Amino acid sequence: MAVRTARTAWNGTFLEGSGQVELSSSGVGTHDVSWPSRIADEAAGVTSPEELLAAAHSSCFTMAFTNELGQAGATPEQIEVTADVTLGPDPAGGVRVTKSALTVRGFATGIDEAGFKAAAEAAKVGCPISKALTGVDQITLDVTFEG
């Protein structure tokens, strides 16, 4: 299996410094990161590990979900998945990821609503990023079948 690489270069202290995370394997971009923007309500053009994790979870889940639909004999027509990753206090001190909330909207031909939702549940369990997030308190799933 392939190995993917990201690199972060940082300047300054934890609270006042900033860095850039580079998506090295793909070369698709370098993005600013900082602690203040990580915990602020507005990202102001600066990403965070949680946003990158949300991107990983939504894209991984979508791939797992469309695979599950295909295995059920359905053809995905339009699927939209959002992942909202929450950073919160850690009872042991500091902060940690406390939740990833997946929201699925879409439809597929050749499957009913119950089958669509069952495929989503199977994808939630089978997605490699979901598996990597087993230490997260909650991974929720909200599915709307628009067929």
N, C-alpha and C. Protein backbone atom coordinates (compact mmCIF):
# COMPACT_ATOMS: atom_id res chain seq x y z
N MET A 1 0.83 -1.19 0.00
CA MET A 1 0.00 0.00 0.00
C MET A 1 0.88 1.25 0.00
N ALA A 2 0.33 2.30 -0.50
CA ALA A 2 1.05 3.56 -0.64
C ALA A 2 1.23 4.26 0.71
N VAL A 3 2.27 5.04 0.80
CA VAL A 3 2.53 5.90 1.95
C VAL A 3 2.31 7.34 1.49
N ARG A 4 1.57 8.11 2.27
CA ARG A 4 1.34 9.52 1.95
C ARG A 4 2.04 10.37 3.00
N THR A 5 2.55 11.51 2.57
CA THR A 5 3.37 12.33 3.46
C THR A 5 2.89 13.78 3.48
N ALA A 6 2.87 14.33 4.68
CA ALA A 6 2.65 15.77 4.87
C ALA A 6 3.79 16.25 5.76
N ARG A 7 4.15 17.50 5.60
CA ARG A 7 5.25 18.09 6.37
C ARG A 7 4.81 19.43 6.90
N THR A 8 5.17 19.72 8.15
CA THR A 8 4.87 21.02 8.74
C THR A 8 6.15 21.70 9.18
N ALA A 9 6.31 22.94 8.78
CA ALA A 9 7.42 23.79 9.23
C ALA A 9 6.82 24.85 10.15
N TRP A 10 7.43 25.07 11.31
CA TRP A 10 6.88 25.95 12.35
C TRP A 10 7.93 26.96 12.75
N ASN A 11 7.48 28.20 13.02
CA ASN A 11 8.35 29.25 13.54
C ASN A 11 7.68 29.87 14.75
N GLY A 12 8.43 30.01 15.83
CA GLY A 12 7.90 30.69 17.01
C GLY A 12 7.37 29.75 18.06
N THR A 13 6.79 30.36 19.08
CA THR A 13 6.28 29.60 20.21
C THR A 13 4.94 28.96 19.88
N PHE A 14 4.50 28.10 20.76
CA PHE A 14 3.22 27.42 20.59
C PHE A 14 2.07 28.41 20.46
N LEU A 15 1.99 29.36 21.38
CA LEU A 15 0.86 30.29 21.39
C LEU A 15 0.94 31.38 20.34
N GLU A 16 2.14 31.82 20.02
CA GLU A 16 2.28 32.95 19.11
C GLU A 16 2.87 32.60 17.76
N GLY A 17 3.38 31.40 17.64
CA GLY A 17 4.00 30.99 16.38
C GLY A 17 2.99 30.58 15.35
N SER A 18 3.52 30.20 14.20
CA SER A 18 2.68 29.71 13.12
C SER A 18 3.52 28.81 12.23
N GLY A 19 2.82 28.12 11.37
CA GLY A 19 3.52 27.21 10.49
C GLY A 19 2.79 27.04 9.19
N GLN A 20 3.35 26.17 8.40
CA GLN A 20 2.73 25.80 7.13
C GLN A 20 2.79 24.29 7.02
N VAL A 21 1.63 23.71 6.70
CA VAL A 21 1.56 22.27 6.46
C VAL A 21 1.54 22.08 4.94
N GLU A 22 2.42 21.23 4.49
CA GLU A 22 2.56 20.95 3.06
C GLU A 22 2.05 19.54 2.79
N LEU A 23 1.17 19.41 1.82
CA LEU A 23 0.70 18.10 1.39
C LEU A 23 1.73 17.58 0.40
N SER A 24 2.76 16.95 0.94
CA SER A 24 3.96 16.62 0.18
C SER A 24 3.75 15.56 -0.89
N SER A 25 3.03 14.51 -0.58
CA SER A 25 2.86 13.41 -1.54
C SER A 25 2.19 13.87 -2.81
N SER A 26 1.14 14.63 -2.67
CA SER A 26 0.38 15.07 -3.85
C SER A 26 0.89 16.37 -4.43
N GLY A 27 1.51 17.18 -3.59
CA GLY A 27 1.98 18.49 -4.05
C GLY A 27 0.85 19.46 -4.33
N VAL A 28 -0.34 19.20 -3.77
CA VAL A 28 -1.48 20.05 -4.11
C VAL A 28 -1.58 21.32 -3.30
N GLY A 29 -0.75 21.47 -2.28
CA GLY A 29 -0.85 22.74 -1.58
C GLY A 29 -0.07 22.80 -0.29
N THR A 30 0.16 24.02 0.12
CA THR A 30 0.76 24.34 1.41
C THR A 30 -0.21 25.29 2.10
N HIS A 31 -0.50 25.00 3.36
CA HIS A 31 -1.54 25.75 4.07
C HIS A 31 -1.03 26.24 5.42
N ASP A 32 -1.38 27.47 5.75
CA ASP A 32 -0.99 28.06 7.02
C ASP A 32 -1.73 27.39 8.18
N VAL A 33 -1.03 27.25 9.32
CA VAL A 33 -1.62 26.72 10.56
C VAL A 33 -1.10 27.55 11.73
N SER A 34 -1.94 27.69 12.77
CA SER A 34 -1.51 28.36 14.00
C SER A 34 -2.45 27.95 15.12
N TRP A 35 -1.97 28.05 16.35
CA TRP A 35 -2.83 27.73 17.49
C TRP A 35 -4.00 28.70 17.62
N PRO A 36 -3.79 30.03 17.56
CA PRO A 36 -4.93 30.93 17.72
C PRO A 36 -6.05 30.67 16.71
N SER A 37 -5.69 30.41 15.46
CA SER A 37 -6.74 30.16 14.46
C SER A 37 -7.37 28.78 14.66
N ARG A 38 -6.65 27.90 15.28
CA ARG A 38 -7.16 26.54 15.53
C ARG A 38 -8.33 26.55 16.50
N ILE A 39 -8.30 27.45 17.47
CA ILE A 39 -9.35 27.47 18.49
C ILE A 39 -10.35 28.60 18.29
N ALA A 40 -10.12 29.45 17.30
CA ALA A 40 -11.03 30.57 17.04
C ALA A 40 -12.31 30.09 16.36
N ASP A 41 -13.38 30.85 16.51
CA ASP A 41 -14.63 30.52 15.84
C ASP A 41 -14.51 30.62 14.32
N GLU A 42 -13.74 31.57 13.84
CA GLU A 42 -13.54 31.77 12.40
C GLU A 42 -12.11 31.38 12.03
N ALA A 43 -11.96 30.61 10.98
CA ALA A 43 -10.64 30.12 10.58
C ALA A 43 -9.80 31.20 9.89
N ALA A 44 -10.43 32.18 9.28
CA ALA A 44 -9.74 33.31 8.65
C ALA A 44 -8.64 32.87 7.68
N GLY A 45 -8.93 31.86 6.87
CA GLY A 45 -7.99 31.44 5.85
C GLY A 45 -6.84 30.57 6.32
N VAL A 46 -6.90 30.14 7.59
CA VAL A 46 -5.84 29.30 8.16
C VAL A 46 -6.46 27.96 8.54
N THR A 47 -5.85 26.87 8.10
CA THR A 47 -6.41 25.56 8.39
C THR A 47 -5.98 25.06 9.76
N SER A 48 -6.43 23.87 10.11
CA SER A 48 -6.08 23.25 11.39
C SER A 48 -6.02 21.75 11.22
N PRO A 49 -5.38 21.07 12.16
CA PRO A 49 -5.39 19.61 12.09
C PRO A 49 -6.81 19.04 12.08
N GLU A 50 -7.72 19.69 12.77
CA GLU A 50 -9.10 19.20 12.81
C GLU A 50 -9.78 19.34 11.45
N GLU A 51 -9.51 20.45 10.74
CA GLU A 51 -10.08 20.60 9.41
C GLU A 51 -9.50 19.56 8.45
N LEU A 52 -8.20 19.32 8.56
CA LEU A 52 -7.57 18.31 7.72
C LEU A 52 -8.11 16.92 8.05
N LEU A 53 -8.38 16.67 9.33
CA LEU A 53 -8.98 15.40 9.74
C LEU A 53 -10.40 15.29 9.20
N ALA A 54 -11.15 16.38 9.23
CA ALA A 54 -12.50 16.39 8.66
C ALA A 54 -12.45 16.08 7.16
N ALA A 55 -11.49 16.65 6.46
CA ALA A 55 -11.35 16.36 5.03
C ALA A 55 -11.02 14.88 4.82
N ALA A 56 -10.14 14.35 5.63
CA ALA A 56 -9.79 12.94 5.52
C ALA A 56 -10.99 12.05 5.82
N HIS A 57 -11.76 12.39 6.86
CA HIS A 57 -12.89 11.55 7.24
C HIS A 57 -14.00 11.61 6.20
N SER A 58 -14.33 12.81 5.71
CA SER A 58 -15.42 12.91 4.72
C SER A 58 -15.05 12.21 3.42
N SER A 59 -13.82 12.35 2.97
CA SER A 59 -13.43 11.72 1.70
C SER A 59 -13.30 10.21 1.85
N CYS A 60 -12.74 9.75 2.95
CA CYS A 60 -12.61 8.31 3.19
C CYS A 60 -13.98 7.66 3.32
N PHE A 61 -14.85 8.27 4.11
CA PHE A 61 -16.20 7.74 4.29
C PHE A 61 -16.93 7.68 2.95
N THR A 62 -16.81 8.72 2.14
CA THR A 62 -17.49 8.75 0.85
C THR A 62 -17.04 7.59 -0.04
N MET A 63 -15.75 7.33 -0.06
CA MET A 63 -15.25 6.21 -0.85
C MET A 63 -15.78 4.88 -0.30
N ALA A 64 -15.75 4.71 1.02
CA ALA A 64 -16.26 3.48 1.62
C ALA A 64 -17.75 3.33 1.36
N PHE A 65 -18.49 4.43 1.43
CA PHE A 65 -19.93 4.41 1.22
C PHE A 65 -20.29 4.03 -0.21
N THR A 66 -19.63 4.66 -1.19
CA THR A 66 -19.94 4.33 -2.58
C THR A 66 -19.56 2.88 -2.88
N ASN A 67 -18.53 2.36 -2.22
CA ASN A 67 -18.17 0.96 -2.36
C ASN A 67 -19.28 0.06 -1.79
N GLU A 68 -19.79 0.42 -0.62
CA GLU A 68 -20.88 -0.35 -0.01
C GLU A 68 -22.12 -0.32 -0.88
N LEU A 69 -22.43 0.83 -1.45
CA LEU A 69 -23.58 0.93 -2.34
C LEU A 69 -23.40 0.02 -3.56
N GLY A 70 -22.22 0.05 -4.14
CA GLY A 70 -21.93 -0.80 -5.29
C GLY A 70 -22.05 -2.28 -4.96
N GLN A 71 -21.56 -2.66 -3.78
CA GLN A 71 -21.67 -4.05 -3.36
C GLN A 71 -23.12 -4.47 -3.14
N ALA A 72 -23.98 -3.50 -2.82
CA ALA A 72 -25.41 -3.78 -2.64
C ALA A 72 -26.16 -3.75 -3.97
N GLY A 73 -25.44 -3.53 -5.06
CA GLY A 73 -26.07 -3.50 -6.38
C GLY A 73 -26.64 -2.16 -6.78
N ALA A 74 -26.32 -1.13 -6.02
CA ALA A 74 -26.82 0.21 -6.30
C ALA A 74 -25.79 1.02 -7.08
N THR A 75 -26.27 2.05 -7.75
CA THR A 75 -25.39 2.97 -8.47
C THR A 75 -25.51 4.35 -7.82
N PRO A 76 -24.44 4.82 -7.17
CA PRO A 76 -24.49 6.15 -6.58
C PRO A 76 -24.68 7.20 -7.67
N GLU A 77 -25.65 8.08 -7.47
CA GLU A 77 -25.92 9.14 -8.45
C GLU A 77 -25.38 10.47 -7.97
N GLN A 78 -25.68 10.81 -6.74
CA GLN A 78 -25.15 12.04 -6.15
C GLN A 78 -25.02 11.82 -4.66
N ILE A 79 -23.82 12.00 -4.16
CA ILE A 79 -23.53 11.81 -2.74
C ILE A 79 -22.76 13.04 -2.25
N GLU A 80 -23.19 13.60 -1.14
CA GLU A 80 -22.46 14.70 -0.51
C GLU A 80 -22.27 14.35 0.96
N VAL A 81 -21.04 14.38 1.41
CA VAL A 81 -20.71 14.03 2.80
C VAL A 81 -19.95 15.19 3.43
N THR A 82 -20.41 15.59 4.60
CA THR A 82 -19.72 16.61 5.39
C THR A 82 -19.26 15.95 6.69
N ALA A 83 -18.06 16.27 7.12
CA ALA A 83 -17.57 15.83 8.42
C ALA A 83 -17.26 17.07 9.24
N ASP A 84 -17.87 17.16 10.42
CA ASP A 84 -17.59 18.25 11.36
C ASP A 84 -16.81 17.67 12.52
N VAL A 85 -15.54 18.04 12.62
CA VAL A 85 -14.66 17.53 13.68
C VAL A 85 -14.57 18.57 14.78
N THR A 86 -14.80 18.13 16.01
CA THR A 86 -14.83 19.03 17.17
C THR A 86 -13.61 18.81 18.05
N LEU A 87 -12.97 19.91 18.41
CA LEU A 87 -11.88 19.92 19.37
C LEU A 87 -12.45 20.36 20.71
N GLY A 88 -12.17 19.61 21.75
CA GLY A 88 -12.70 19.95 23.07
C GLY A 88 -11.72 19.62 24.16
N PRO A 89 -12.10 19.93 25.40
CA PRO A 89 -11.20 19.67 26.52
C PRO A 89 -11.00 18.17 26.72
N ASP A 90 -9.79 17.83 27.13
CA ASP A 90 -9.45 16.45 27.47
C ASP A 90 -9.46 16.34 28.99
N PRO A 91 -10.23 15.43 29.57
CA PRO A 91 -10.25 15.28 31.03
C PRO A 91 -8.87 15.03 31.62
N ALA A 92 -7.96 14.48 30.82
CA ALA A 92 -6.60 14.23 31.30
C ALA A 92 -5.72 15.47 31.19
N GLY A 93 -6.27 16.56 30.65
CA GLY A 93 -5.51 17.80 30.46
C GLY A 93 -5.35 18.13 29.00
N GLY A 94 -5.33 19.39 28.69
CA GLY A 94 -5.18 19.83 27.31
C GLY A 94 -6.48 19.70 26.53
N VAL A 95 -6.35 19.44 25.24
CA VAL A 95 -7.50 19.30 24.36
C VAL A 95 -7.35 18.02 23.55
N ARG A 96 -8.48 17.60 22.95
CA ARG A 96 -8.46 16.43 22.08
C ARG A 96 -9.66 16.49 21.15
N VAL A 97 -9.63 15.67 20.12
CA VAL A 97 -10.78 15.55 19.23
C VAL A 97 -11.84 14.77 19.99
N THR A 98 -13.03 15.37 20.12
CA THR A 98 -14.09 14.74 20.89
C THR A 98 -15.21 14.18 20.02
N LYS A 99 -15.29 14.63 18.75
CA LYS A 99 -16.41 14.18 17.92
C LYS A 99 -16.09 14.38 16.44
N SER A 100 -16.58 13.45 15.64
CA SER A 100 -16.64 13.64 14.19
C SER A 100 -18.06 13.32 13.78
N ALA A 101 -18.76 14.31 13.27
CA ALA A 101 -20.15 14.16 12.88
C ALA A 101 -20.23 14.11 11.36
N LEU A 102 -20.62 12.96 10.84
CA LEU A 102 -20.78 12.77 9.40
C LEU A 102 -22.22 13.05 9.00
N THR A 103 -22.40 13.86 7.98
CA THR A 103 -23.72 14.14 7.43
C THR A 103 -23.70 13.72 5.98
N VAL A 104 -24.66 12.85 5.62
CA VAL A 104 -24.73 12.29 4.27
C VAL A 104 -26.03 12.71 3.62
N ARG A 105 -25.95 13.23 2.42
CA ARG A 105 -27.13 13.57 1.63
C ARG A 105 -26.92 13.01 0.24
N GLY A 106 -27.94 12.39 -0.32
CA GLY A 106 -27.78 11.93 -1.69
C GLY A 106 -28.74 10.84 -2.07
N PHE A 107 -28.47 10.26 -3.22
CA PHE A 107 -29.32 9.19 -3.70
C PHE A 107 -28.52 8.26 -4.60
N ALA A 108 -29.06 7.05 -4.73
CA ALA A 108 -28.49 6.03 -5.59
C ALA A 108 -29.64 5.26 -6.21
N THR A 109 -29.46 4.84 -7.44
CA THR A 109 -30.49 4.02 -8.07
C THR A 109 -30.25 2.56 -7.68
N GLY A 110 -31.34 1.80 -7.63
CA GLY A 110 -31.24 0.38 -7.34
C GLY A 110 -31.20 0.05 -5.86
N ILE A 111 -31.60 1.02 -5.01
CA ILE A 111 -31.60 0.77 -3.57
C ILE A 111 -32.67 1.65 -2.93
N ASP A 112 -33.28 1.13 -1.88
CA ASP A 112 -34.28 1.93 -1.16
C ASP A 112 -33.62 2.67 0.00
N GLU A 113 -34.43 3.43 0.71
CA GLU A 113 -33.89 4.25 1.82
C GLU A 113 -33.23 3.39 2.89
N ALA A 114 -33.86 2.28 3.25
CA ALA A 114 -33.29 1.41 4.29
C ALA A 114 -31.93 0.86 3.85
N GLY A 115 -31.82 0.44 2.60
CA GLY A 115 -30.55 -0.07 2.09
C GLY A 115 -29.49 1.01 2.02
N PHE A 116 -29.90 2.21 1.65
CA PHE A 116 -28.99 3.36 1.59
C PHE A 116 -28.41 3.64 2.97
N LYS A 117 -29.30 3.65 3.97
CA LYS A 117 -28.85 3.90 5.34
C LYS A 117 -27.99 2.77 5.87
N ALA A 118 -28.31 1.53 5.53
CA ALA A 118 -27.49 0.39 5.96
C ALA A 118 -26.09 0.46 5.35
N ALA A 119 -26.01 0.87 4.08
CA ALA A 119 -24.71 1.03 3.43
C ALA A 119 -23.90 2.12 4.13
N ALA A 120 -24.57 3.20 4.56
CA ALA A 120 -23.87 4.28 5.26
C ALA A 120 -23.34 3.79 6.61
N GLU A 121 -24.13 3.02 7.33
CA GLU A 121 -23.68 2.47 8.62
C GLU A 121 -22.48 1.55 8.43
N ALA A 122 -22.52 0.71 7.39
CA ALA A 122 -21.40 -0.18 7.12
C ALA A 122 -20.15 0.61 6.75
N ALA A 123 -20.32 1.69 6.00
CA ALA A 123 -19.19 2.54 5.63
C ALA A 123 -18.59 3.23 6.85
N LYS A 124 -19.44 3.64 7.76
CA LYS A 124 -18.96 4.30 8.99
C LYS A 124 -18.04 3.36 9.76
N VAL A 125 -18.39 2.10 9.82
CA VAL A 125 -17.59 1.10 10.53
C VAL A 125 -16.35 0.72 9.73
N GLY A 126 -16.48 0.61 8.40
CA GLY A 126 -15.40 0.11 7.58
C GLY A 126 -14.40 1.13 7.09
N CYS A 127 -14.73 2.39 7.13
CA CYS A 127 -13.83 3.45 6.66
C CYS A 127 -12.53 3.44 7.47
N PRO A 128 -11.36 3.37 6.82
CA PRO A 128 -10.10 3.36 7.56
C PRO A 128 -9.91 4.57 8.48
N ILE A 129 -10.42 5.74 8.11
CA ILE A 129 -10.27 6.90 8.99
C ILE A 129 -11.17 6.75 10.21
N SER A 130 -12.39 6.20 10.03
CA SER A 130 -13.23 5.91 11.19
C SER A 130 -12.51 4.95 12.14
N LYS A 131 -11.87 3.95 11.57
CA LYS A 131 -11.12 3.00 12.39
C LYS A 131 -9.99 3.70 13.14
N ALA A 132 -9.33 4.64 12.48
CA ALA A 132 -8.23 5.37 13.12
C ALA A 132 -8.74 6.28 14.24
N LEU A 133 -10.01 6.63 14.19
CA LEU A 133 -10.60 7.55 15.18
C LEU A 133 -11.27 6.81 16.34
N THR A 134 -10.90 5.59 16.61
CA THR A 134 -11.57 4.82 17.66
C THR A 134 -11.45 5.46 19.04
N GLY A 135 -10.48 6.32 19.25
CA GLY A 135 -10.34 7.00 20.53
C GLY A 135 -11.22 8.23 20.69
N VAL A 136 -11.95 8.58 19.63
CA VAL A 136 -12.85 9.74 19.66
C VAL A 136 -14.14 9.33 20.37
N ASP A 137 -14.65 10.20 21.25
CA ASP A 137 -15.85 9.89 22.02
C ASP A 137 -17.04 9.52 21.14
N GLN A 138 -17.26 10.30 20.08
CA GLN A 138 -18.44 10.10 19.24
C GLN A 138 -18.10 10.22 17.76
N ILE A 139 -18.56 9.24 16.99
CA ILE A 139 -18.62 9.38 15.55
C ILE A 139 -20.08 9.19 15.21
N THR A 140 -20.73 10.28 14.82
CA THR A 140 -22.17 10.23 14.54
C THR A 140 -22.41 10.22 13.05
N LEU A 141 -23.61 9.76 12.68
CA LEU A 141 -23.98 9.66 11.29
C LEU A 141 -25.41 10.11 11.12
N ASP A 142 -25.62 11.10 10.25
CA ASP A 142 -26.94 11.61 9.91
C ASP A 142 -27.12 11.42 8.41
N VAL A 143 -28.06 10.55 8.02
CA VAL A 143 -28.22 10.18 6.62
C VAL A 143 -29.58 10.62 6.11
N THR A 144 -29.58 11.31 4.97
CA THR A 144 -30.83 11.66 4.28
C THR A 144 -30.79 11.08 2.88
N PHE A 145 -31.73 10.19 2.61
CA PHE A 145 -31.88 9.58 1.27
C PHE A 145 -32.80 10.49 0.47
N GLU A 146 -32.29 11.00 -0.63
CA GLU A 146 -33.06 11.96 -1.42
C GLU A 146 -33.59 11.31 -2.70
N GLY A 147 -33.80 10.00 -2.67
CA GLY A 147 -34.23 9.28 -3.86
C GLY A 147 -35.68 9.17 -3.92
